C-alpha cells in the first residue's frame, strides 16, 4: 500500500539517467527510486547500529565479559532492597 509521497527536484540529466536505469532494470521510475532509497537507508542505518571493534578491543571486551568486577557495597545493598520489596 502506497499512501504517502516523497518529492524532490533533479536536473533533466539526472531524471534521464534514473529513467534509463529503471528501464534497464525493467521497473518503473517510482519503483526504482523507492528500491534505491530503501537500500541506501537500510545500509546507513546498519552502519550506525553496528559496533565495530579492532582485534585488541574485541579481546578486551570479551575479557571484561568473562571476568566482571565484584558488585560494589552500594549495589549489593540495592539488590537486597529490591529482593525484599519483590517478595512483599
PDB file of N, CA and C in Angstrom:
ATOM      1  N   UNK A   1       0.841  -1.164   0.000  1.00  0.00           N
ATOM      2  CA  UNK A   1       0.000   0.000   0.000  1.00  0.00           C
ATOM      3  C   UNK A   1       0.895   1.239   0.000  1.00  0.00           C
ATOM      4  N   UNK A   2       0.670   2.098  -0.973  1.00  0.00           N
ATOM      5  CA  UNK A   2       1.456   3.323  -1.081  1.00  0.00           C
ATOM      6  C   UNK A   2       0.535   4.498  -0.800  1.00  0.00           C
ATOM      7  N   UNK A   3       0.711   5.164   0.327  1.00  0.00           N
ATOM      8  CA  UNK A   3      -0.204   6.242   0.647  1.00  0.00           C
ATOM      9  C   UNK A   3       0.480   7.554   1.002  1.00  0.00           C
ATOM     10  N   UNK A   4       1.786   7.633   0.860  1.00  0.00           N
ATOM     11  CA  UNK A   4       2.473   8.910   1.057  1.00  0.00           C
ATOM     12  C   UNK A   4       3.379   9.164  -0.133  1.00  0.00           C
ATOM     13  N   UNK A   5       3.697  10.422  -0.321  1.00  0.00           N
ATOM     14  CA  UNK A   5       4.552  10.798  -1.442  1.00  0.00           C
ATOM     15  C   UNK A   5       5.840  11.410  -0.916  1.00  0.00           C
ATOM     16  N   UNK A   6       6.895  11.174  -1.654  1.00  0.00           N
ATOM     17  CA  UNK A   6       8.167  11.849  -1.413  1.00  0.00           C
ATOM     18  C   UNK A   6       8.531  12.503  -2.734  1.00  0.00           C
ATOM     19  N   UNK A   7       8.765  13.788  -2.708  1.00  0.00           N
ATOM     20  CA  UNK A   7       9.107  14.503  -3.933  1.00  0.00           C
ATOM     21  C   UNK A   7      10.459  15.170  -3.761  1.00  0.00           C
ATOM     22  N   UNK A   8      11.189  15.281  -4.872  1.00  0.00           N
ATOM     23  CA  UNK A   8      12.449  16.009  -4.859  1.00  0.00           C
ATOM     24  C   UNK A   8      12.719  16.565  -6.253  1.00  0.00           C
ATOM     25  N   UNK A   9      13.572  17.521  -6.310  1.00  0.00           N
ATOM     26  CA  UNK A   9      13.922  18.140  -7.592  1.00  0.00           C
ATOM     27  C   UNK A   9      15.208  17.510  -8.109  1.00  0.00           C
ATOM     28  N   UNK A  10      15.292  17.436  -9.429  1.00  0.00           N
ATOM     29  CA  UNK A  10      16.507  16.932 -10.063  1.00  0.00           C
ATOM     30  C   UNK A  10      16.695  17.649 -11.390  1.00  0.00           C
ATOM     31  N   UNK A  11      17.894  17.568 -11.891  1.00  0.00           N
ATOM     32  CA  UNK A  11      18.165  18.161 -13.202  1.00  0.00           C
ATOM     33  C   UNK A  11      17.583  17.247 -14.283  1.00  0.00           C
ATOM     34  N   UNK A  12      17.370  17.767 -15.484  1.00  0.00           N
ATOM     35  CA  UNK A  12      16.884  16.908 -16.567  1.00  0.00           C
ATOM     36  C   UNK A  12      17.827  15.730 -16.838  1.00  0.00           C
ATOM     37  N   UNK A  13      19.124  15.964 -16.704  1.00  0.00           N
ATOM     38  CA  UNK A  13      20.091  14.886 -16.935  1.00  0.00           C
ATOM     39  C   UNK A  13      19.949  13.785 -15.883  1.00  0.00           C
ATOM     40  N   UNK A  14      19.752  14.183 -14.632  1.00  0.00           N
ATOM     41  CA  UNK A  14      19.564  13.193 -13.564  1.00  0.00           C
ATOM     42  C   UNK A  14      18.283  12.401 -13.781  1.00  0.00           C
ATOM     43  N   UNK A  15      17.236  13.089 -14.189  1.00  0.00           N
ATOM     44  CA  UNK A  15      15.960  12.420 -14.447  1.00  0.00           C
ATOM     45  C   UNK A  15      16.109  11.408 -15.578  1.00  0.00           C
ATOM     46  N   UNK A  16      16.796  11.802 -16.651  1.00  0.00           N
ATOM     47  CA  UNK A  16      17.010  10.888 -17.777  1.00  0.00           C
ATOM     48  C   UNK A  16      17.853   9.684 -17.362  1.00  0.00           C
ATOM     49  N   UNK A  17      18.863   9.920 -16.541  1.00  0.00           N
ATOM     50  CA  UNK A  17      19.723   8.835 -16.072  1.00  0.00           C
ATOM     51  C   UNK A  17      18.931   7.830 -15.246  1.00  0.00           C
ATOM     52  N   UNK A  18      18.108   8.330 -14.332  1.00  0.00           N
ATOM     53  CA  UNK A  18      17.280   7.462 -13.493  1.00  0.00           C
ATOM     54  C   UNK A  18      16.274   6.707 -14.350  1.00  0.00           C
ATOM     55  N   UNK A  19      15.679   7.390 -15.318  1.00  0.00           N
ATOM     56  CA  UNK A  19      14.703   6.737 -16.198  1.00  0.00           C
ATOM     57  C   UNK A  19      15.359   5.613 -16.992  1.00  0.00           C
ATOM     58  N   UNK A  20      16.563   5.849 -17.477  1.00  0.00           N
ATOM     59  CA  UNK A  20      17.276   4.812 -18.222  1.00  0.00           C
ATOM     60  C   UNK A  20      17.607   3.630 -17.321  1.00  0.00           C
ATOM     61  N   UNK A  21      18.090   3.904 -16.130  1.00  0.00           N
ATOM     62  CA  UNK A  21      18.424   2.824 -15.193  1.00  0.00           C
ATOM     63  C   UNK A  21      17.181   2.016 -14.834  1.00  0.00           C
ATOM     64  N   UNK A  22      16.064   2.695 -14.607  1.00  0.00           N
ATOM     65  CA  UNK A  22      14.814   1.995 -14.288  1.00  0.00           C
ATOM     66  C   UNK A  22      14.381   1.123 -15.454  1.00  0.00           C
ATOM     67  N   UNK A  23      14.489   1.666 -16.658  1.00  0.00           N
ATOM     68  CA  UNK A  23      14.117   0.894 -17.850  1.00  0.00           C
ATOM     69  C   UNK A  23      14.997  -0.346 -17.977  1.00  0.00           C
ATOM     70  N   UNK A  24      16.291  -0.196 -17.781  1.00  0.00           N
ATOM     71  CA  UNK A  24      17.211  -1.337 -17.871  1.00  0.00           C
ATOM     72  C   UNK A  24      16.929  -2.375 -16.787  1.00  0.00           C
ATOM     73  N   UNK A  25      16.450  -1.911 -15.631  1.00  0.00           N
ATOM     74  CA  UNK A  25      16.105  -2.827 -14.539  1.00  0.00           C
ATOM     75  C   UNK A  25      14.735  -3.457 -14.754  1.00  0.00           C
ATOM     76  N   UNK A  26      13.984  -2.931 -15.712  1.00  0.00           N
ATOM     77  CA  UNK A  26      12.674  -3.497 -16.010  1.00  0.00           C
ATOM     78  C   UNK A  26      11.583  -3.076 -15.039  1.00  0.00           C
ATOM     79  N   UNK A  27      11.770  -1.923 -14.408  1.00  0.00           N
ATOM     80  CA  UNK A  27      10.763  -1.422 -13.461  1.00  0.00           C
ATOM     81  C   UNK A  27      10.503   0.055 -13.744  1.00  0.00           C
ATOM     82  N   UNK A  28       9.415   0.572 -13.189  1.00  0.00           N
ATOM     83  CA  UNK A  28       9.129   1.992 -13.414  1.00  0.00           C
ATOM     84  C   UNK A  28      10.018   2.856 -12.518  1.00  0.00           C
ATOM     85  N   UNK A  29      10.040   4.143 -12.829  1.00  0.00           N
ATOM     86  CA  UNK A  29      10.924   5.073 -12.118  1.00  0.00           C
ATOM     87  C   UNK A  29      10.604   5.118 -10.625  1.00  0.00           C
ATOM     88  N   UNK A  30       9.323   5.123 -10.275  1.00  0.00           N
ATOM     89  CA  UNK A  30       8.951   5.166  -8.851  1.00  0.00           C
ATOM     90  C   UNK A  30       9.492   3.957  -8.102  1.00  0.00           C
ATOM     91  N   UNK A  31       9.313   2.779  -8.685  1.00  0.00           N
ATOM     92  CA  UNK A  31       9.808   1.560  -8.040  1.00  0.00           C
ATOM     93  C   UNK A  31      11.330   1.589  -7.936  1.00  0.00           C
ATOM     94  N   UNK A  32      11.991   2.075  -8.984  1.00  0.00           N
ATOM     95  CA  UNK A  32      13.452   2.152  -8.980  1.00  0.00           C
ATOM     96  C   UNK A  32      13.940   3.075  -7.867  1.00  0.00           C
ATOM     97  N   UNK A  33      13.335   4.267  -7.786  1.00  0.00           N
ATOM     98  CA  UNK A  33      13.750   5.224  -6.754  1.00  0.00           C
ATOM     99  C   UNK A  33      13.439   4.714  -5.357  1.00  0.00           C
ATOM    100  N   UNK A  34      12.279   4.078  -5.188  1.00  0.00           N
ATOM    101  CA  UNK A  34      11.906   3.532  -3.879  1.00  0.00           C
ATOM    102  C   UNK A  34      12.914   2.466  -3.450  1.00  0.00           C
ATOM    103  N   UNK A  35      13.235   1.541  -4.359  1.00  0.00           N
ATOM    104  CA  UNK A  35      14.198   0.475  -4.022  1.00  0.00           C
ATOM    105  C   UNK A  35      15.571   1.049  -3.699  1.00  0.00           C
ATOM    106  N   UNK A  36      16.026   2.006  -4.509  1.00  0.00           N
ATOM    107  CA  UNK A  36      17.348   2.604  -4.279  1.00  0.00           C
ATOM    108  C   UNK A  36      17.385   3.351  -2.947  1.00  0.00           C
ATOM    109  N   UNK A  37      16.331   4.102  -2.655  1.00  0.00           N
ATOM    110  CA  UNK A  37      16.285   4.858  -1.400  1.00  0.00           C
ATOM    111  C   UNK A  37      16.241   3.924  -0.200  1.00  0.00           C
ATOM    112  N   UNK A  38      15.445   2.858  -0.287  1.00  0.00           N
ATOM    113  CA  UNK A  38      15.350   1.915   0.834  1.00  0.00           C
ATOM    114  C   UNK A  38      16.665   1.172   1.057  1.00  0.00           C
ATOM    115  N   UNK A  39      17.332   0.789  -0.037  1.00  0.00           N
ATOM    116  CA  UNK A  39      18.639   0.123   0.107  1.00  0.00           C
ATOM    117  C   UNK A  39      19.638   1.053   0.788  1.00  0.00           C
ATOM    118  N   UNK A  40      19.677   2.305   0.344  1.00  0.00           N
ATOM    119  CA  UNK A  40      20.609   3.269   0.937  1.00  0.00           C
ATOM    120  C   UNK A  40      20.262   3.526   2.400  1.00  0.00           C
ATOM    121  N   UNK A  41      18.982   3.681   2.699  1.00  0.00           N
ATOM    122  CA  UNK A  41      18.560   3.932   4.082  1.00  0.00           C
ATOM    123  C   UNK A  41      18.923   2.764   4.988  1.00  0.00           C
ATOM    124  N   UNK A  42      18.639   1.551   4.548  1.00  0.00           N
ATOM    125  CA  UNK A  42      18.962   0.368   5.359  1.00  0.00           C
ATOM    126  C   UNK A  42      20.458   0.228   5.585  1.00  0.00           C
ATOM    127  N   UNK A  43      21.255   0.522   4.564  1.00  0.00           N
ATOM    128  CA  UNK A  43      22.708   0.419   4.702  1.00  0.00           C
ATOM    129  C   UNK A  43      23.240   1.455   5.695  1.00  0.00           C
ATOM    130  N   UNK A  44      22.763   2.670   5.605  1.00  0.00           N
ATOM    131  CA  UNK A  44      23.214   3.723   6.524  1.00  0.00           C
ATOM    132  C   UNK A  44      22.820   3.385   7.956  1.00  0.00           C
ATOM    133  N   UNK A  45      21.600   2.910   8.155  1.00  0.00           N
ATOM    134  CA  UNK A  45      21.147   2.523   9.498  1.00  0.00           C
ATOM    135  C   UNK A  45      21.980   1.359  10.022  1.00  0.00           C
ATOM    136  N   UNK A  46      22.248   0.368   9.172  1.00  0.00           N
ATOM    137  CA  UNK A  46      23.055  -0.789   9.582  1.00  0.00           C
ATOM    138  C   UNK A  46      24.445  -0.338  10.027  1.00  0.00           C
ATOM    139  N   UNK A  47      25.049   0.570   9.262  1.00  0.00           N
ATOM    140  CA  UNK A  47      26.391   1.052   9.606  1.00  0.00           C
ATOM    141  C   UNK A  47      26.398   1.780  10.949  1.00  0.00           C
ATOM    142  N   UNK A  48      25.342   2.491  11.258  1.00  0.00           N
ATOM    143  CA  UNK A  48      25.293   3.245  12.512  1.00  0.00           C
ATOM    144  C   UNK A  48      24.899   2.385  13.707  1.00  0.00           C
ATOM    145  N   UNK A  49      24.230   1.278  13.460  1.00  0.00           N
ATOM    146  CA  UNK A  49      23.816   0.399  14.558  1.00  0.00           C
ATOM    147  C   UNK A  49      24.865  -0.655  14.882  1.00  0.00           C
ATOM    148  N   UNK A  50      25.780  -0.881  13.980  1.00  0.00           N
ATOM    149  CA  UNK A  50      26.756  -1.949  14.140  1.00  0.00           C
ATOM    150  C   UNK A  50      27.986  -1.436  14.891  1.00  0.00           C
ATOM    151  N   UNK A  51      28.401  -2.192  15.874  1.00  0.00           N
ATOM    152  CA  UNK A  51      29.585  -1.845  16.645  1.00  0.00           C
ATOM    153  C   UNK A  51      30.788  -2.564  16.037  1.00  0.00           C
ATOM    154  N   UNK A  52      31.791  -1.798  15.627  1.00  0.00           N
ATOM    155  CA  UNK A  52      32.985  -2.390  15.027  1.00  0.00           C
ATOM    156  C   UNK A  52      34.164  -2.168  15.962  1.00  0.00           C
ATOM    157  N   UNK A  53      34.793  -3.257  16.350  1.00  0.00           N
ATOM    158  CA  UNK A  53      35.930  -3.189  17.263  1.00  0.00           C
ATOM    159  C   UNK A  53      37.172  -3.757  16.596  1.00  0.00           C
ATOM    160  N   UNK A  54      38.319  -3.189  16.935  1.00  0.00           N
ATOM    161  CA  UNK A  54      39.580  -3.762  16.479  1.00  0.00           C
ATOM    162  C   UNK A  54      39.783  -5.093  17.203  1.00  0.00           C
ATOM    163  N   UNK A  55      40.726  -5.872  16.755  1.00  0.00           N
ATOM    164  CA  UNK A  55      41.003  -7.172  17.374  1.00  0.00           C
ATOM    165  C   UNK A  55      41.365  -6.996  18.847  1.00  0.00           C
ATOM    166  N   UNK A  56      42.190  -6.009  19.159  1.00  0.00           N
ATOM    167  CA  UNK A  56      42.581  -5.809  20.564  1.00  0.00           C
ATOM    168  C   UNK A  56      41.385  -5.344  21.402  1.00  0.00           C
ATOM    169  N   UNK A  57      40.525  -4.497  20.823  1.00  0.00           N
ATOM    170  CA  UNK A  57      39.330  -4.072  21.551  1.00  0.00           C
ATOM    171  C   UNK A  57      38.359  -5.233  21.745  1.00  0.00           C
ATOM    172  N   UNK A  58      38.269  -6.121  20.750  1.00  0.00           N
ATOM    173  CA  UNK A  58      37.427  -7.316  20.891  1.00  0.00           C
ATOM    174  C   UNK A  58      37.918  -8.167  22.059  1.00  0.00           C
ATOM    175  N   UNK A  59      39.229  -8.341  22.122  1.00  0.00           N
ATOM    176  CA  UNK A  59      39.809  -9.145  23.205  1.00  0.00           C
ATOM    177  C   UNK A  59      39.524  -8.519  24.573  1.00  0.00           C
ATOM    178  N   UNK A  60      39.683  -7.201  24.672  1.00  0.00           N
ATOM    179  CA  UNK A  60      39.402  -6.511  25.936  1.00  0.00           C
ATOM    180  C   UNK A  60      37.928  -6.633  26.317  1.00  0.00           C
ATOM    181  N   UNK A  61      37.047  -6.509  25.339  1.00  0.00           N
ATOM    182  CA  UNK A  61      35.612  -6.608  25.587  1.00  0.00           C
ATOM    183  C   UNK A  61      35.251  -7.997  26.095  1.00  0.00           C
ATOM    184  N   UNK A  62      35.759  -9.026  25.426  1.00  0.00           N
ATOM    185  CA  UNK A  62      35.467 -10.404  25.838  1.00  0.00           C
ATOM    186  C   UNK A  62      36.054 -10.704  27.215  1.00  0.00           C
ATOM    187  N   UNK A  63      37.239 -10.174  27.483  1.00  0.00           N
ATOM    188  CA  UNK A  63      37.858 -10.372  28.796  1.00  0.00           C
ATOM    189  C   UNK A  63      36.996  -9.733  29.887  1.00  0.00           C
ATOM    190  N   UNK A  64      36.475  -8.546  29.611  1.00  0.00           N
ATOM    191  CA  UNK A  64      35.608  -7.871  30.588  1.00  0.00           C
ATOM    192  C   UNK A  64      34.332  -8.668  30.824  1.00  0.00           C
ATOM    193  N   UNK A  65      33.789  -9.277  29.781  1.00  0.00           N
ATOM    194  CA  UNK A  65      32.583 -10.098  29.942  1.00  0.00           C
ATOM    195  C   UNK A  65      32.869 -11.366  30.745  1.00  0.00           C
ATOM    196  N   UNK A  66      34.051 -11.930  30.529  1.00  0.00           N
ATOM    197  CA  UNK A  66      34.409 -13.178  31.211  1.00  0.00           C
ATOM    198  C   UNK A  66      34.777 -12.973  32.678  1.00  0.00           C
ATOM    199  N   UNK A  67      35.204 -11.774  33.035  1.00  0.00           N
ATOM    200  CA  UNK A  67      35.592 -11.536  34.429  1.00  0.00           C
ATOM    201  C   UNK A  67      35.027 -10.197  34.906  1.00  0.00           C
ATOM    202  N   UNK A  68      33.729 -10.178  35.182  1.00  0.00           N
ATOM    203  CA  UNK A  68      33.121  -8.922  35.638  1.00  0.00           C
ATOM    204  C   UNK A  68      33.623  -8.546  37.026  1.00  0.00           C
ATOM    205  N   UNK A  69      33.612  -7.263  37.352  1.00  0.00           N
ATOM    206  CA  UNK A  69      34.056  -6.838  38.683  1.00  0.00           C
ATOM    207  C   UNK A  69      33.045  -7.260  39.747  1.00  0.00           C
ATOM    208  N   UNK A  70      33.515  -7.321  40.965  1.00  0.00           N
ATOM    209  CA  UNK A  70      32.633  -7.636  42.088  1.00  0.00           C
ATOM    210  C   UNK A  70      31.633  -6.496  42.269  1.00  0.00           C
ATOM    211  N   UNK A  71      30.406  -6.816  42.658  1.00  0.00           N
ATOM    212  CA  UNK A  71      29.437  -5.744  42.914  1.00  0.00           C
ATOM    213  C   UNK A  71      29.906  -4.863  44.068  1.00  0.00           C
ATOM    214  N   UNK A  72      29.675  -3.588  43.933  1.00  0.00           N
ATOM    215  CA  UNK A  72      30.055  -2.646  44.991  1.00  0.00           C
ATOM    216  C   UNK A  72      29.108  -2.818  46.179  1.00  0.00           C
ATOM    217  N   UNK A  73      29.521  -2.349  47.357  1.00  0.00           N
ATOM    218  CA  UNK A  73      28.627  -2.429  48.526  1.00  0.00           C
ATOM    219  C   UNK A  73      27.276  -1.744  48.268  1.00  0.00           C
ATOM    220  N   UNK A  74      27.302  -0.637  47.564  1.00  0.00           N
ATOM    221  CA  UNK A  74      26.058   0.079  47.259  1.00  0.00           C
ATOM    222  C   UNK A  74      25.143  -0.774  46.374  1.00  0.00           C
ATOM    223  N   UNK A  75      25.723  -1.441  45.383  1.00  0.00           N
ATOM    224  CA  UNK A  75      24.927  -2.306  44.509  1.00  0.00           C
ATOM    225  C   UNK A  75      24.366  -3.493  45.289  1.00  0.00           C
ATOM    226  N   UNK A  76      25.180  -4.077  46.159  1.00  0.00           N
ATOM    227  CA  UNK A  76      24.700  -5.197  46.977  1.00  0.00           C
ATOM    228  C   UNK A  76      23.522  -4.763  47.847  1.00  0.00           C
ATOM    229  N   UNK A  77      23.628  -3.579  48.431  1.00  0.00           N
ATOM    230  CA  UNK A  77      22.550  -3.058  49.269  1.00  0.00           C
ATOM    231  C   UNK A  77      21.280  -2.857  48.437  1.00  0.00           C
ATOM    232  N   UNK A  78      21.438  -2.323  47.245  1.00  0.00           N
ATOM    233  CA  UNK A  78      20.286  -2.107  46.365  1.00  0.00           C
ATOM    234  C   UNK A  78      19.648  -3.423  45.953  1.00  0.00           C
ATOM    235  N   UNK A  79      20.478  -4.441  45.709  1.00  0.00           N
ATOM    236  CA  UNK A  79      19.949  -5.759  45.328  1.00  0.00           C
ATOM    237  C   UNK A  79      19.138  -6.362  46.470  1.00  0.00           C
ATOM    238  N   UNK A  80      19.643  -6.232  47.701  1.00  0.00           N
ATOM    239  CA  UNK A  80      18.907  -6.746  48.865  1.00  0.00           C
ATOM    240  C   UNK A  80      17.569  -6.029  49.018  1.00  0.00           C
ATOM    241  N   UNK A  81      17.597  -4.720  48.857  1.00  0.00           N
ATOM    242  CA  UNK A  81      16.372  -3.932  48.980  1.00  0.00           C
ATOM    243  C   UNK A  81      15.364  -4.345  47.902  1.00  0.00           C
ATOM    244  N   UNK A  82      15.835  -4.533  46.691  1.00  0.00           N
ATOM    245  CA  UNK A  82      14.957  -4.943  45.591  1.00  0.00           C
ATOM    246  C   UNK A  82      14.331  -6.307  45.874  1.00  0.00           C
ATOM    247  N   UNK A  83      15.150  -7.262  46.297  1.00  0.00           N
ATOM    248  CA  UNK A  83      14.633  -8.613  46.585  1.00  0.00           C
ATOM    249  C   UNK A  83      13.593  -8.580  47.710  1.00  0.00           C
ATOM    250  N   UNK A  84      13.873  -7.776  48.732  1.00  0.00           N
ATOM    251  CA  UNK A  84      12.945  -7.666  49.860  1.00  0.00           C
ATOM    252  C   UNK A  84      11.610  -7.085  49.393  1.00  0.00           C
ATOM    253  N   UNK A  85      11.652  -6.045  48.580  1.00  0.00           N
ATOM    254  CA  UNK A  85      10.422  -5.425  48.069  1.00  0.00           C
ATOM    255  C   UNK A  85       9.672  -6.371  47.136  1.00  0.00           C
ATOM    256  N   UNK A  86      10.393  -7.129  46.380  1.00  0.00           N
ATOM    257  CA  UNK A  86       9.781  -8.048  45.417  1.00  0.00           C
ATOM    258  C   UNK A  86       9.049  -9.184  46.115  1.00  0.00           C
ATOM    259  N   UNK A  87       9.569  -9.631  47.250  1.00  0.00           N
ATOM    260  CA  UNK A  87       8.949 -10.731  47.991  1.00  0.00           C
ATOM    261  C   UNK A  87       7.719 -10.277  48.756  1.00  0.00           C
ATOM    262  N   UNK A  88       7.625  -9.007  49.068  1.00  0.00           N
ATOM    263  CA  UNK A  88       6.469  -8.488  49.833  1.00  0.00           C
ATOM    264  C   UNK A  88       5.308  -8.155  48.946  1.00  0.00           C
TER     265      UNK A  88
END
